[in-house]
Amino acid sequence: MNIRAKSFLITAIVYLIALVVSVVGAYQLIGSHQWLIVLTGHLIATVVVFIASQIYKNSSLYDPFWSVAPIPIAIYVALWPESTEINIEKVLLILIPIMFWAFRLTVNWIRDWDGLGHEDFRYVNLKAKPFAVLIDLFGIHLYPTLQVNLSLFPIYFALSVSTNEVGVLLYLASIFTVLAVFLELVADEQMRTFRRDSANKGKTMTQGLWAYSRHPNYLGEILFWWGLYFMTVSIDSSYWYLFICPLVMNLMFSLITCQMMDNRSLERRTEYADYMKSTRQLILWKKS
């Protein structure tokens, strides 16, 4: 078995253990608020993955958790709703975009991950600072988990609480969410094709969607989380205040993730500064 295959096997085993331990832990709170149960299981699974990342000295073991963890969460609130009423049409319209997003992002990780011999440069930089273990636990593992948990919160109301009938707005919101995932998919494939050509090594990607946005893949990711919110308010507009959930995700990408990627590209690509002047961070619209 080569190193990459072994890394995938280790990751699968770790995630299976994390799922079992989280279900056992969360089960102790049965009878409590459903999202408290979800949050507890989510955090327990994160700690299991963190312990494994310490054992294997690689925090990239956490990377697929972003897209894998929402799968059991969404299924749980859809099939065991607090209202005890399951609307199959509503469940499908909400779960299909989520499962499509999770599958696409996980496959994308599988295709690109080099195995436990490689760790994301952002994690390496963060852990080079004092109190590395605490930064690893709270900054690399727990913060993203809490971010995802907060951004998933609207679907609790859409799937588990609301008993409103499905209308055309939910269909439109569901389509919007699927299209957001397609935007991510196209952007990632364009970048993968660009990087596959050895002649482009060290160059800046300025083709396709990347000619209009420096991070069209992240734009798609952000729009996906807004899509979850739109699907919820399309069912019941009284949940309008939940806009804070995708907004926090939006700000994380805009203020932290995109900035980190831009700074790294500025260090590695001489023409990237000019590229930044002509393209916007996220919006698909060239600067004048």
Protein backbone atom coordinates (compact mmCIF):
# COMPACT_ATOMS: atom_id res chain seq x y z
CA MET A 1 0.00 0.00 0.00
CA ASN A 2 1.47 3.38 -1.00
CA ILE A 3 1.59 6.37 1.34
CA ARG A 4 -1.40 8.12 -0.23
CA ALA A 5 -3.63 5.04 -0.02
CA LYS A 6 -2.55 4.45 3.56
CA SER A 7 -3.38 8.08 4.38
CA PHE A 8 -6.90 7.69 3.02
CA LEU A 9 -7.39 4.48 5.00
CA ILE A 10 -6.23 6.18 8.20
CA THR A 11 -8.53 9.13 7.55
CA ALA A 12 -11.52 6.85 6.93
CA ILE A 13 -10.87 4.93 10.17
CA VAL A 14 -10.44 8.16 12.16
CA TYR A 15 -13.68 9.58 10.78
CA LEU A 16 -15.58 6.36 11.47
CA ILE A 17 -14.36 6.41 15.08
CA ALA A 18 -15.28 10.11 15.32
CA LEU A 19 -18.80 9.35 14.08
CA VAL A 20 -19.36 6.51 16.53
CA VAL A 21 -17.98 8.43 19.52
CA SER A 22 -19.98 11.55 18.62
CA VAL A 23 -23.23 9.60 18.27
CA VAL A 24 -22.68 7.91 21.63
CA GLY A 25 -21.85 11.25 23.26
CA ALA A 26 -24.73 13.14 21.67
CA TYR A 27 -27.17 10.35 22.57
CA GLN A 28 -26.66 11.22 26.23
CA LEU A 29 -28.49 14.50 25.54
CA ILE A 30 -31.54 12.94 23.87
CA GLY A 31 -34.53 14.94 25.09
CA SER A 32 -32.61 18.22 25.02
CA HIS A 33 -32.81 20.88 22.32
CA GLN A 34 -32.08 19.14 19.03
CA TRP A 35 -29.43 21.59 17.87
CA LEU A 36 -27.64 21.25 21.23
CA ILE A 37 -27.47 17.52 20.50
CA VAL A 38 -26.09 18.29 17.02
CA LEU A 39 -23.54 20.77 18.36
CA THR A 40 -22.37 18.33 21.03
CA GLY A 41 -21.86 15.52 18.52
CA HIS A 42 -20.14 17.91 16.10
CA LEU A 43 -17.69 19.07 18.77
CA ILE A 44 -16.97 15.56 20.05
CA ALA A 45 -16.17 14.38 16.52
CA THR A 46 -13.88 17.40 16.07
CA VAL A 47 -11.92 16.55 19.22
CA VAL A 48 -11.47 12.96 18.00
CA VAL A 49 -10.09 14.24 14.69
CA PHE A 50 -7.87 16.72 16.56
CA ILE A 51 -6.38 13.92 18.69
CA ALA A 52 -5.67 11.94 15.53
CA SER A 53 -4.06 14.98 13.90
CA GLN A 54 -1.77 15.26 16.93
CA ILE A 55 -0.86 11.59 16.68
CA TYR A 56 -0.04 11.86 12.97
CA LYS A 57 1.36 15.40 13.31
CA ASN A 58 -0.75 16.68 10.43
CA SER A 59 -3.75 19.00 10.83
CA SER A 60 -4.77 18.45 7.21
CA LEU A 61 -6.43 15.31 8.56
CA TYR A 62 -9.22 17.73 9.49
CA ASP A 63 -9.73 19.09 5.94
CA PRO A 64 -12.54 16.75 4.75
CA PHE A 65 -14.39 17.27 8.02
CA TRP A 66 -15.73 20.54 6.57
CA SER A 67 -17.76 18.71 3.95
CA VAL A 68 -18.26 15.30 5.61
CA ALA A 69 -19.69 16.34 8.99
CA PRO A 70 -22.75 18.17 7.57
CA ILE A 71 -23.99 14.95 5.94
CA PRO A 72 -25.11 13.11 9.10
CA ILE A 73 -26.27 16.40 10.64
CA ALA A 74 -28.58 17.22 7.72
CA ILE A 75 -29.92 13.66 7.57
CA TYR A 76 -30.58 13.64 11.32
CA VAL A 77 -32.64 16.85 11.42
CA ALA A 78 -34.48 15.84 8.23
CA LEU A 79 -35.50 12.35 9.31
CA TRP A 80 -36.02 13.01 13.04
CA PRO A 81 -37.59 16.49 13.04
CA GLU A 82 -38.81 18.10 16.24
CA SER A 83 -42.14 18.74 14.56
CA THR A 84 -42.41 14.96 13.91
CA GLU A 85 -43.71 15.91 10.45
CA ILE A 86 -41.61 14.82 7.44
CA ASN A 87 -42.36 16.59 4.17
CA ILE A 88 -40.53 14.50 1.54
CA GLU A 89 -40.69 17.26 -1.07
CA LYS A 90 -39.10 19.74 1.31
CA VAL A 91 -36.51 17.23 2.48
CA LEU A 92 -35.41 16.48 -1.08
CA LEU A 93 -35.27 20.14 -2.14
CA ILE A 94 -32.99 20.95 0.80
CA LEU A 95 -30.93 17.77 1.08
CA ILE A 96 -30.09 17.40 -2.63
CA PRO A 97 -28.06 20.68 -2.75
CA ILE A 98 -26.35 19.81 0.54
CA MET A 99 -25.42 16.29 -0.55
CA PHE A 100 -24.27 17.57 -3.95
CA TRP A 101 -22.05 20.15 -2.23
CA ALA A 102 -20.66 17.60 0.26
CA PHE A 103 -19.97 15.00 -2.43
CA ARG A 104 -18.30 17.48 -4.79
CA LEU A 105 -16.11 19.06 -2.12
CA THR A 106 -15.09 15.69 -0.68
CA VAL A 107 -14.21 14.32 -4.12
CA ASN A 108 -12.25 17.50 -4.78
CA TRP A 109 -10.27 16.87 -1.60
CA ILE A 110 -9.65 13.24 -2.57
CA ARG A 111 -8.31 14.28 -5.97
CA ASP A 112 -5.98 16.95 -4.61
CA TRP A 113 -4.75 15.59 -1.27
CA ASP A 114 -1.22 14.22 -1.34
CA GLY A 115 -1.64 12.29 1.89
CA LEU A 116 -0.36 12.68 5.42
CA GLY A 117 3.07 13.57 4.08
CA HIS A 118 1.69 17.00 3.15
CA GLU A 119 0.13 19.64 5.39
CA ASP A 120 -1.72 22.81 4.33
CA PHE A 121 0.65 25.81 4.38
CA ARG A 122 -1.88 27.81 6.43
CA TYR A 123 -1.74 25.24 9.22
CA VAL A 124 2.04 25.14 9.12
CA ASN A 125 2.21 28.93 9.43
CA LEU A 126 -0.32 29.06 12.25
CA LYS A 127 1.40 26.31 14.24
CA ALA A 128 4.76 28.08 13.91
CA LYS A 129 3.47 30.62 16.43
CA PRO A 130 3.62 30.29 20.25
CA PHE A 131 1.04 28.00 21.90
CA ALA A 132 0.90 25.84 18.76
CA VAL A 133 -1.27 23.12 20.36
CA LEU A 134 -3.91 25.63 21.45
CA ILE A 135 -3.88 27.30 18.04
CA ASP A 136 -4.24 23.87 16.46
CA LEU A 137 -7.18 22.92 18.69
CA PHE A 138 -9.09 26.19 18.75
CA GLY A 139 -7.99 27.89 15.52
CA ILE A 140 -7.63 25.01 13.06
CA HIS A 141 -10.17 22.52 14.44
CA LEU A 142 -12.81 24.01 16.75
CA TYR A 143 -13.26 27.39 15.06
CA PRO A 144 -14.11 25.94 11.62
CA THR A 145 -16.44 23.42 13.25
CA LEU A 146 -18.30 26.16 15.09
CA GLN A 147 -18.37 28.20 11.88
CA VAL A 148 -19.93 25.35 9.91
CA ASN A 149 -22.32 24.53 12.75
CA LEU A 150 -23.54 28.12 12.87
CA SER A 151 -23.94 28.30 9.10
CA LEU A 152 -25.89 25.03 9.10
CA PHE A 153 -28.23 26.34 11.81
CA PRO A 154 -30.90 27.63 9.35
CA ILE A 155 -31.61 24.12 8.08
CA TYR A 156 -32.64 23.12 11.61
CA PHE A 157 -35.59 25.51 11.29
CA ALA A 158 -36.30 24.55 7.68
CA LEU A 159 -36.19 20.78 8.17
CA SER A 160 -36.96 20.15 11.81
CA VAL A 161 -39.12 23.01 13.09
CA SER A 162 -41.20 24.54 10.30
CA THR A 163 -44.27 22.70 9.05
CA ASN A 164 -45.05 25.22 6.30
CA GLU A 165 -45.95 23.97 2.85
CA VAL A 166 -43.40 23.98 0.03
CA GLY A 167 -43.77 26.85 -2.43
CA VAL A 168 -42.10 28.01 -5.64
CA LEU A 169 -39.62 30.11 -3.64
CA LEU A 170 -38.07 26.97 -2.14
CA TYR A 171 -37.61 25.54 -5.62
CA LEU A 172 -35.87 28.75 -6.70
CA ALA A 173 -33.69 28.81 -3.57
CA SER A 174 -32.78 25.15 -4.05
CA ILE A 175 -31.77 25.80 -7.66
CA PHE A 176 -29.72 28.82 -6.53
CA THR A 177 -27.86 26.62 -4.03
CA VAL A 178 -27.13 23.94 -6.63
CA LEU A 179 -25.85 26.61 -9.04
CA ALA A 180 -23.53 27.92 -6.31
CA VAL A 181 -21.99 24.46 -6.08
CA PHE A 182 -21.65 24.35 -9.88
CA LEU A 183 -19.79 27.66 -9.71
CA GLU A 184 -17.33 26.09 -7.28
CA LEU A 185 -17.01 23.02 -9.46
CA VAL A 186 -16.27 24.98 -12.66
CA ALA A 187 -13.77 27.27 -10.93
CA ASP A 188 -11.91 24.33 -9.37
CA GLU A 189 -11.79 22.42 -12.65
CA GLN A 190 -10.46 25.45 -14.50
CA MET A 191 -7.72 25.86 -11.91
CA ARG A 192 -6.91 22.13 -11.97
CA THR A 193 -6.54 22.20 -15.78
CA PHE A 194 -4.31 25.27 -15.53
CA ARG A 195 -2.03 23.70 -12.92
CA ARG A 196 -1.81 20.45 -14.85
CA ASP A 197 0.16 22.24 -17.56
CA SER A 198 3.78 22.39 -16.38
CA ALA A 199 4.30 25.52 -18.50
CA ASN A 200 2.05 27.42 -16.08
CA LYS A 201 4.18 26.70 -13.01
CA GLY A 202 4.70 29.92 -11.07
CA LYS A 203 2.20 31.80 -13.22
CA THR A 204 -1.08 33.43 -12.19
CA MET A 205 -4.35 31.90 -13.37
CA THR A 206 -6.19 34.63 -15.34
CA GLN A 207 -8.46 32.51 -17.53
CA GLY A 208 -12.14 31.58 -17.38
CA LEU A 209 -13.86 32.64 -14.17
CA TRP A 210 -10.47 33.59 -12.75
CA ALA A 211 -10.27 36.47 -15.22
CA TYR A 212 -13.11 38.16 -13.32
CA SER A 213 -12.51 37.07 -9.72
CA ARG A 214 -9.42 36.11 -7.74
CA HIS A 215 -11.38 33.50 -5.80
CA PRO A 216 -14.44 32.32 -7.80
CA ASN A 217 -14.30 28.97 -6.00
CA TYR A 218 -14.70 30.69 -2.65
CA LEU A 219 -17.50 32.81 -4.10
CA GLY A 220 -19.34 29.60 -4.92
CA GLU A 221 -18.72 28.31 -1.39
CA ILE A 222 -20.06 31.51 0.16
CA LEU A 223 -23.15 31.47 -2.07
CA PHE A 224 -23.82 27.86 -1.04
CA TRP A 225 -24.12 28.92 2.61
CA TRP A 226 -26.33 31.84 1.65
CA GLY A 227 -28.39 29.28 -0.28
CA LEU A 228 -29.13 27.37 2.93
CA TYR A 229 -30.42 30.60 4.43
CA PHE A 230 -32.49 31.44 1.34
CA MET A 231 -34.07 27.98 1.42
CA THR A 232 -35.04 28.50 5.05
CA VAL A 233 -36.59 31.96 4.63
CA SER A 234 -38.35 30.78 1.46
CA ILE A 235 -40.25 28.37 3.71
CA ASP A 236 -40.87 30.82 6.54
CA SER A 237 -39.86 34.49 6.27
CA SER A 238 -40.09 34.90 10.06
CA TYR A 239 -36.60 33.34 10.22
CA TRP A 240 -35.12 36.38 8.40
CA TYR A 241 -32.83 37.14 11.34
CA LEU A 242 -30.79 34.01 10.59
CA PHE A 243 -28.90 36.01 7.95
CA ILE A 244 -26.16 36.31 10.57
CA CYS A 245 -25.32 32.63 9.95
CA PRO A 246 -24.16 32.92 6.31
CA LEU A 247 -22.88 36.46 6.94
CA VAL A 248 -20.31 35.21 9.45
CA MET A 249 -19.16 32.58 6.93
CA ASN A 250 -18.99 35.29 4.26
CA LEU A 251 -16.80 37.46 6.49
CA MET A 252 -14.48 34.57 7.33
CA PHE A 253 -13.74 33.97 3.66
CA SER A 254 -13.50 37.67 2.79
CA LEU A 255 -11.37 38.78 5.72
CA ILE A 256 -9.29 35.71 6.51
CA THR A 257 -9.18 32.93 3.90
CA CYS A 258 -8.96 35.09 0.78
CA GLN A 259 -6.43 37.38 2.43
CA MET A 260 -4.20 34.44 3.31
CA MET A 261 -4.37 33.07 -0.23
CA ASP A 262 -3.64 36.50 -1.73
CA ASN A 263 -0.63 37.02 0.54
CA ARG A 264 0.79 33.63 -0.39
CA SER A 265 0.34 34.32 -4.11
CA LEU A 266 2.02 37.73 -3.74
CA GLU A 267 5.06 35.95 -2.31
CA ARG A 268 5.19 33.32 -5.07
CA ARG A 269 4.03 35.14 -8.23
CA THR A 270 5.57 38.41 -9.40
CA GLU A 271 2.58 39.38 -11.58
CA TYR A 272 -0.01 38.73 -8.86
CA ALA A 273 0.04 42.33 -7.63
CA ASP A 274 -1.08 43.53 -11.06
CA TYR A 275 -3.71 40.78 -11.15
CA MET A 276 -5.09 42.05 -7.83
CA LYS A 277 -5.41 45.55 -9.28
CA SER A 278 -7.51 44.33 -12.21
CA THR A 279 -9.75 41.76 -10.48
CA ARG A 280 -12.01 41.81 -7.46
CA GLN A 281 -11.57 39.50 -4.51
CA LEU A 282 -14.82 37.60 -4.99
CA ILE A 283 -17.42 39.26 -7.20
CA LEU A 284 -17.28 38.18 -10.86
CA TRP A 285 -16.75 41.68 -12.22
CA LYS A 286 -13.54 43.20 -13.56
CA LYS A 287 -12.34 46.45 -12.04
CA SER A 288 -12.60 49.46 -14.32
